[in-house]
Amino acid sequence: MIDLLVAGGGPAGLATAIHAARAGLEVVVAEPRPGPVDKACGEGLMPSAVRRLAALGVDVPGAPLHGIAYLDGRHRAEARFRGVPGRGVRRTALHAALAATAAGLGVRTLPVRVDGVRQDARSVTAAGVTARYLAAADGLHSPLRRALRLGTDAAPAAAGERPARYGLRRHFAVPPWSDVVEVHWSARAEAYVTPVGPDLVGVAVLTADRGPFAAQLAAFPRLLERLPVRAATAARGAGPLRQRVRARAAGRVLLVGDAAGYVDALTGEGIAVALAAAEQLVRCVLADRPQDYDAAWRRVSRDYRLLTGSLLWLRGRPWSARRIVPAAARCPALFTSAVNRLS
């Protein structure tokens, strides 16, 4: 019997596997998708994510990111990172780097999908593999979370609740014009521009409005002026982004990454939180205390949940939404402090 089975070979799953292998555990990753896995993602790694990847021995190629800028057409607020810069990294390059590190540590990957779990007091069996624990890293709409009834995905929206938000991403073959992630704000959406190479930028749009990428981008005329007419990659989408989760553990099954719950991509901290949670999950496995994991996840995700939730609350109200960028421009020290606390 192995120590840990990881369901899902994305960044969260691979980081969990690397932590486990470095701790001396026998770990297997179940991932049916071949090759580097792509998905809709802003592709900006914040400094905390870069530091955690370095601690795992993972070096990813990309463009250095030295801060965050908010723009609304009339105002610009910029916060520079203190210390280690972030990095703009193609999602496929991040996946390839993590997969290579995991393979170098002897982690086996099985081309199977985990769609059912049986467990008792000592073990978990899934996809024909029996392990002491299972880490469910199967994404935003985690089938395992649903099967274990740990989420509230199917619950109807409460009266007055914020509408569901979605993300769309494409790349454009143009040299980056800035060394920061630019967040362009319109009345109903945000467009994130991330340098990911010497001649490539990623543009991700977050919005509650459904529609094709070109229609969403039309809300940002000044950004459009900088972009080629044709995109270099096809559009990828994700959502609804908000995922509520009642608990991150059910017996010997622990949720990690987007499967463990998600607020929004507004602050770009998804990968950093997933990396921190992966480390905590393995600590709980080593201590044989899965009951401690939910509190550990809440602790490492607290700043992300608080700041992202607060910014999303302001974003969802017309009277405050139009004041976010002007306020950041008027209070640069406060904006810089908030960005660096989160990153």
Protein backbone atom coordinates (compact mmCIF):
# COMPACT_ATOMS: atom_id res chain seq x y z
CA MET A 1 0.00 0.00 0.00
CA ILE A 2 1.37 3.40 -0.97
CA ASP A 3 1.25 6.44 1.30
CA LEU A 4 -0.55 8.98 -0.90
CA LEU A 5 -2.59 8.89 -4.08
CA VAL A 6 -3.04 12.28 -5.74
CA ALA A 7 -6.08 12.66 -7.99
CA GLY A 8 -5.18 15.34 -10.54
CA GLY A 9 -1.85 16.27 -12.08
CA GLY A 10 -2.22 20.05 -12.25
CA PRO A 11 -0.01 22.43 -10.24
CA ALA A 12 -1.72 21.68 -6.91
CA GLY A 13 -1.56 17.93 -7.39
CA LEU A 14 2.05 17.92 -8.57
CA ALA A 15 3.15 20.24 -5.76
CA THR A 16 1.49 17.89 -3.26
CA ALA A 17 3.27 14.92 -4.83
CA ILE A 18 6.64 16.71 -4.72
CA HIS A 19 6.21 17.65 -1.06
CA ALA A 20 5.25 14.05 -0.27
CA ALA A 21 8.16 12.54 -2.20
CA ARG A 22 10.65 14.93 -0.58
CA ALA A 23 9.28 13.85 2.81
CA GLY A 24 10.02 10.20 1.98
CA LEU A 25 6.46 9.12 1.21
CA GLU A 26 5.54 6.82 -1.65
CA VAL A 27 3.17 8.78 -3.86
CA VAL A 28 1.31 8.17 -7.13
CA VAL A 29 -0.42 10.79 -9.28
CA ALA A 30 -3.56 9.85 -11.25
CA GLU A 31 -3.87 12.13 -14.30
CA PRO A 32 -5.63 11.01 -17.51
CA ARG A 33 -4.60 14.01 -19.63
CA PRO A 34 -1.31 13.50 -21.53
CA GLY A 35 1.42 16.12 -21.74
CA PRO A 36 1.46 19.63 -20.26
CA VAL A 37 -2.02 20.59 -19.06
CA ASP A 38 -3.33 24.02 -20.07
CA LYS A 39 -6.27 25.93 -18.63
CA ALA A 40 -7.65 29.45 -18.43
CA CYS A 41 -5.29 31.22 -16.05
CA GLY A 42 -3.88 34.70 -15.56
CA GLU A 43 -0.39 33.09 -15.55
CA GLY A 44 1.11 35.59 -13.12
CA LEU A 45 2.97 33.96 -10.22
CA MET A 46 3.16 36.25 -7.24
CA PRO A 47 6.45 36.45 -5.27
CA SER A 48 5.19 34.03 -2.61
CA ALA A 49 4.50 31.44 -5.31
CA VAL A 50 7.96 31.92 -6.82
CA ARG A 51 9.54 31.44 -3.39
CA ARG A 52 7.54 28.28 -2.71
CA LEU A 53 8.42 26.82 -6.11
CA ALA A 54 12.11 27.56 -5.51
CA ALA A 55 11.90 25.78 -2.14
CA LEU A 56 10.57 22.72 -4.00
CA GLY A 57 13.47 22.87 -6.45
CA VAL A 58 11.21 23.99 -9.31
CA ASP A 59 12.54 26.67 -11.63
CA VAL A 60 10.09 27.93 -14.23
CA PRO A 61 10.91 30.01 -17.32
CA GLY A 62 9.10 33.27 -17.92
CA ALA A 63 9.18 37.02 -17.52
CA PRO A 64 9.97 38.76 -14.20
CA LEU A 65 7.04 40.66 -12.71
CA HIS A 66 7.90 43.60 -10.48
CA GLY A 67 4.45 44.65 -9.34
CA ILE A 68 0.76 45.22 -10.03
CA ALA A 69 -0.84 48.19 -11.77
CA TYR A 70 -4.53 49.16 -11.77
CA LEU A 71 -5.81 51.22 -14.72
CA ASP A 72 -9.28 52.53 -15.55
CA GLY A 73 -8.65 54.78 -18.57
CA ARG A 74 -8.05 57.94 -16.52
CA HIS A 75 -6.08 56.74 -13.51
CA ARG A 76 -3.12 54.45 -12.96
CA ALA A 77 -2.02 53.05 -9.60
CA GLU A 78 1.14 50.95 -9.40
CA ALA A 79 2.50 48.89 -6.53
CA ARG A 80 6.01 47.45 -6.82
CA PHE A 81 6.88 44.18 -5.12
CA ARG A 82 9.41 44.38 -2.32
CA GLY A 83 12.17 41.81 -2.60
CA VAL A 84 11.79 38.80 -4.88
CA PRO A 85 9.85 39.56 -8.09
CA GLY A 86 6.96 37.50 -9.33
CA ARG A 87 7.01 35.74 -12.68
CA GLY A 88 4.79 35.56 -15.73
CA VAL A 89 4.74 31.91 -16.79
CA ARG A 90 2.77 30.04 -19.42
CA ARG A 91 0.56 27.53 -17.66
CA THR A 92 1.97 24.73 -19.82
CA ALA A 93 5.54 25.70 -18.83
CA LEU A 94 4.59 25.67 -15.13
CA HIS A 95 3.03 22.24 -15.51
CA ALA A 96 6.05 20.87 -17.39
CA ALA A 97 8.48 22.14 -14.74
CA LEU A 98 6.46 20.63 -11.89
CA ALA A 99 6.01 17.33 -13.74
CA ALA A 100 9.76 17.08 -14.43
CA THR A 101 10.58 17.71 -10.77
CA ALA A 102 8.06 15.12 -9.62
CA ALA A 103 9.39 12.54 -12.08
CA GLY A 104 12.95 13.24 -10.92
CA LEU A 105 11.86 12.36 -7.39
CA GLY A 106 10.44 9.02 -8.56
CA VAL A 107 6.77 9.98 -8.50
CA ARG A 108 4.76 7.67 -10.75
CA THR A 109 1.91 9.02 -12.88
CA LEU A 110 -0.93 6.74 -13.93
CA PRO A 111 -3.08 7.74 -16.96
CA VAL A 112 -6.35 7.13 -15.13
CA ARG A 113 -9.22 9.23 -13.83
CA VAL A 114 -10.32 8.95 -10.21
CA ASP A 115 -14.10 8.96 -10.23
CA GLY A 116 -14.99 6.89 -7.19
CA VAL A 117 -13.57 6.38 -3.70
CA ARG A 118 -13.86 3.66 -1.09
CA GLN A 119 -12.27 4.18 2.29
CA ASP A 120 -12.07 2.66 5.74
CA ALA A 121 -10.24 3.58 8.94
CA ARG A 122 -6.82 2.77 7.47
CA SER A 123 -6.88 3.28 3.71
CA VAL A 124 -8.48 4.72 0.58
CA THR A 125 -9.00 2.84 -2.67
CA ALA A 126 -9.59 4.62 -5.98
CA ALA A 127 -8.77 3.91 -9.64
CA GLY A 128 -7.47 0.47 -8.64
CA VAL A 129 -4.91 1.94 -6.20
CA THR A 130 -4.96 1.61 -2.42
CA ALA A 131 -3.23 4.29 -0.36
CA ARG A 132 -3.19 5.51 3.21
CA TYR A 133 -4.50 8.89 2.02
CA LEU A 134 -5.93 10.50 -1.09
CA ALA A 135 -5.36 14.14 -2.10
CA ALA A 136 -8.17 15.38 -4.32
CA ALA A 137 -6.61 17.95 -6.64
CA ASP A 138 -9.19 17.52 -9.39
CA GLY A 139 -9.97 21.15 -10.06
CA LEU A 140 -12.50 23.92 -9.67
CA HIS A 141 -15.51 21.66 -10.25
CA SER A 142 -14.03 18.70 -8.40
CA PRO A 143 -16.02 15.48 -8.98
CA LEU A 144 -14.50 14.03 -5.81
CA ARG A 145 -15.64 17.00 -3.75
CA ARG A 146 -19.13 16.55 -5.13
CA ALA A 147 -19.12 12.78 -4.54
CA LEU A 148 -18.07 13.32 -0.92
CA ARG A 149 -20.66 16.08 -0.49
CA LEU A 150 -18.08 18.52 0.79
CA GLY A 151 -19.13 21.41 -1.44
CA THR A 152 -22.23 23.51 -1.91
CA ASP A 153 -21.97 23.67 -5.71
CA ALA A 154 -25.59 22.80 -6.30
CA ALA A 155 -27.04 25.22 -3.76
CA PRO A 156 -29.27 27.93 -5.27
CA ALA A 157 -27.95 31.49 -5.18
CA ALA A 158 -29.18 33.50 -2.23
CA ALA A 159 -31.17 36.66 -2.80
CA GLY A 160 -28.89 39.60 -3.51
CA GLU A 161 -25.85 37.38 -3.99
CA ARG A 162 -23.15 38.42 -6.43
CA PRO A 163 -23.61 36.95 -9.92
CA ALA A 164 -21.27 34.16 -10.94
CA ARG A 165 -18.00 35.27 -12.53
CA TYR A 166 -16.06 33.64 -15.33
CA GLY A 167 -12.57 33.88 -16.79
CA LEU A 168 -11.40 33.93 -20.41
CA ARG A 169 -7.79 33.97 -21.61
CA ARG A 170 -5.87 34.38 -24.87
CA HIS A 171 -2.27 35.25 -25.79
CA PHE A 172 -0.99 37.92 -28.14
CA ALA A 173 2.36 37.94 -29.93
CA VAL A 174 3.61 41.37 -28.90
CA PRO A 175 6.59 42.45 -26.77
CA PRO A 176 5.48 43.31 -23.22
CA TRP A 177 5.28 47.06 -22.66
CA SER A 178 5.48 46.82 -18.87
CA ASP A 179 7.26 44.76 -16.20
CA VAL A 180 4.13 44.55 -14.03
CA VAL A 181 0.78 42.80 -14.30
CA GLU A 182 -1.64 45.41 -15.58
CA VAL A 183 -5.23 45.12 -14.38
CA HIS A 184 -7.50 47.16 -16.61
CA TRP A 185 -10.89 47.96 -15.06
CA SER A 186 -14.13 48.60 -16.93
CA ALA A 187 -17.63 49.00 -15.54
CA ARG A 188 -18.27 45.25 -15.47
CA ALA A 189 -14.98 43.43 -16.03
CA GLU A 190 -11.24 43.34 -15.45
CA ALA A 191 -8.57 42.50 -18.04
CA TYR A 192 -5.25 41.18 -16.75
CA VAL A 193 -2.23 41.67 -18.98
CA THR A 194 0.70 39.45 -17.99
CA PRO A 195 4.10 39.34 -19.73
CA VAL A 196 4.94 35.64 -20.22
CA GLY A 197 7.86 35.89 -22.65
CA PRO A 198 9.97 38.35 -24.66
CA ASP A 199 7.35 38.54 -27.41
CA LEU A 200 4.18 37.27 -25.74
CA VAL A 201 1.58 38.58 -23.32
CA GLY A 202 -1.42 36.81 -21.85
CA VAL A 203 -4.72 38.65 -21.52
CA ALA A 204 -7.29 37.23 -19.12
CA VAL A 205 -10.73 38.78 -18.68
CA LEU A 206 -12.81 38.28 -15.53
CA THR A 207 -16.48 39.14 -15.78
CA ALA A 208 -20.01 38.15 -14.80
CA ASP A 209 -21.20 38.73 -18.38
CA ARG A 210 -21.28 35.76 -20.73
CA GLY A 211 -19.92 36.34 -24.20
CA PRO A 212 -16.99 35.67 -26.57
CA PHE A 213 -13.52 36.94 -25.81
CA ALA A 214 -13.53 39.63 -28.51
CA ALA A 215 -16.77 41.09 -27.19
CA GLN A 216 -15.38 41.17 -23.64
CA LEU A 217 -12.16 42.84 -24.77
CA ALA A 218 -14.09 45.59 -26.55
CA ALA A 219 -14.75 47.12 -23.11
CA PHE A 220 -11.03 48.05 -22.93
CA PRO A 221 -10.33 50.30 -25.94
CA ARG A 222 -6.95 51.57 -24.69
CA LEU A 223 -5.75 48.02 -24.16
CA LEU A 224 -7.00 47.03 -27.61
CA GLU A 225 -4.80 49.72 -29.15
CA ARG A 226 -1.72 47.86 -27.89
CA LEU A 227 -2.72 44.39 -29.08
CA PRO A 228 -2.42 42.78 -32.53
CA VAL A 229 -5.68 42.17 -34.34
CA ARG A 230 -5.16 38.41 -34.22
CA ALA A 231 -4.51 36.46 -31.05
CA ALA A 232 -1.74 33.86 -30.91
CA THR A 233 -3.83 31.27 -29.05
CA ALA A 234 -7.45 30.18 -28.90
CA ALA A 235 -9.66 31.38 -26.08
CA ARG A 236 -9.92 29.24 -22.95
CA GLY A 237 -12.57 29.72 -20.31
CA ALA A 238 -13.22 28.78 -16.70
CA GLY A 239 -16.03 29.27 -14.22
CA PRO A 240 -18.14 29.85 -12.32
CA LEU A 241 -15.13 30.87 -10.24
CA ARG A 242 -16.61 31.01 -6.75
CA GLN A 243 -16.73 27.57 -5.13
CA ARG A 244 -17.92 27.18 -1.55
CA VAL A 245 -16.69 24.19 0.41
CA ARG A 246 -17.96 23.05 3.81
CA ALA A 247 -14.81 21.14 4.77
CA ARG A 248 -11.51 20.14 3.14
CA ALA A 249 -11.36 16.63 4.59
CA ALA A 250 -13.62 13.59 4.63
CA GLY A 251 -11.98 10.71 6.44
CA ARG A 252 -8.71 10.05 4.62
CA VAL A 253 -9.52 12.21 1.58
CA LEU A 254 -8.15 15.78 1.62
CA LEU A 255 -8.98 18.53 -0.90
CA VAL A 256 -6.23 20.76 -2.29
CA GLY A 257 -5.95 23.46 -4.95
CA ASP A 258 -9.12 24.80 -6.54
CA ALA A 259 -10.97 21.70 -5.32
CA ALA A 260 -10.59 22.99 -1.74
CA GLY A 261 -12.63 26.12 -2.48
CA TYR A 262 -12.19 29.30 -4.47
CA VAL A 263 -13.21 32.92 -4.04
CA ASP A 264 -12.14 34.64 -7.25
CA ALA A 265 -9.11 35.24 -9.49
CA LEU A 266 -9.27 38.98 -8.78
CA THR A 267 -6.02 39.06 -6.78
CA GLY A 268 -4.15 36.35 -8.71
CA GLU A 269 -3.21 34.27 -5.67
CA GLY A 270 -4.63 30.88 -6.66
CA ILE A 271 -1.30 29.15 -7.33
CA ALA A 272 0.34 30.59 -4.21
CA VAL A 273 -2.49 29.35 -1.98
CA ALA A 274 -2.44 25.93 -3.66
CA LEU A 275 1.31 25.59 -3.05
CA ALA A 276 0.96 26.58 0.62
CA ALA A 277 -1.96 24.19 1.11
CA ALA A 278 -0.07 21.31 -0.54
CA GLU A 279 2.68 21.66 2.06
CA GLN A 280 0.13 21.65 4.90
CA LEU A 281 -1.64 18.60 3.49
CA VAL A 282 1.56 16.58 3.48
CA ARG A 283 2.36 17.69 7.03
CA CYS A 284 -1.02 16.36 8.16
CA VAL A 285 -0.41 13.08 6.33
CA LEU A 286 3.02 12.73 7.95
CA ALA A 287 1.47 13.34 11.38
CA ASP A 288 -1.43 11.01 10.56
CA ARG A 289 -3.81 13.80 11.58
CA PRO A 290 -6.15 14.52 8.65
CA GLN A 291 -8.50 16.24 11.10
CA ASP A 292 -6.00 19.12 11.37
CA TYR A 293 -5.98 19.91 7.66
CA ASP A 294 -9.10 22.07 7.41
CA ALA A 295 -7.79 24.50 10.04
CA ALA A 296 -4.37 24.52 8.36
CA TRP A 297 -5.95 25.34 4.99
CA ARG A 298 -7.94 28.17 6.52
CA ARG A 299 -4.81 29.57 8.11
CA VAL A 300 -2.69 29.65 4.94
CA SER A 301 -5.56 31.00 2.81
CA ARG A 302 -6.83 33.60 5.30
CA ASP A 303 -5.26 36.70 3.72
CA TYR A 304 -6.30 35.60 0.22
CA ARG A 305 -9.89 34.99 1.29
CA LEU A 306 -10.16 38.20 3.29
CA LEU A 307 -8.60 40.59 0.77
CA THR A 308 -10.10 38.96 -2.31
CA GLY A 309 -13.54 38.80 -0.73
CA SER A 310 -13.36 42.43 0.37
CA LEU A 311 -12.22 43.64 -3.05
CA LEU A 312 -14.90 41.55 -4.73
CA TRP A 313 -17.55 43.04 -2.42
CA LEU A 314 -16.46 46.55 -3.42
CA ARG A 315 -16.32 45.50 -7.06
CA GLY A 316 -19.90 44.27 -6.97
CA ARG A 317 -21.38 47.66 -5.95
CA PRO A 318 -21.54 50.45 -8.56
CA TRP A 319 -20.92 53.23 -6.04
CA SER A 320 -17.63 51.68 -4.91
CA ALA A 321 -16.52 49.85 -8.07
CA ARG A 322 -15.78 53.06 -9.96
CA ARG A 323 -13.74 54.37 -7.02
CA ILE A 324 -11.34 51.43 -6.63
CA VAL A 325 -8.67 52.58 -9.09
CA PRO A 326 -8.89 56.31 -8.18
CA ALA A 327 -8.58 55.40 -4.49
CA ALA A 328 -5.53 53.21 -5.17
CA ALA A 329 -3.96 56.07 -7.15
CA ARG A 330 -4.61 58.56 -4.34
CA CYS A 331 -3.23 56.25 -1.65
CA PRO A 332 -0.16 54.60 -3.21
CA ALA A 333 1.38 53.60 0.13
CA LEU A 334 -1.79 51.78 1.19
CA PHE A 335 -2.13 50.12 -2.22
CA THR A 336 1.50 48.98 -2.13
CA SER A 337 1.09 47.65 1.41
CA ALA A 338 -2.01 45.63 0.47
CA VAL A 339 -0.37 44.18 -2.64
CA ASN A 340 2.77 43.17 -0.76
CA ARG A 341 0.83 41.67 2.14
CA LEU A 342 -1.05 39.42 -0.25
CA SER A 343 1.90 38.61 -2.49
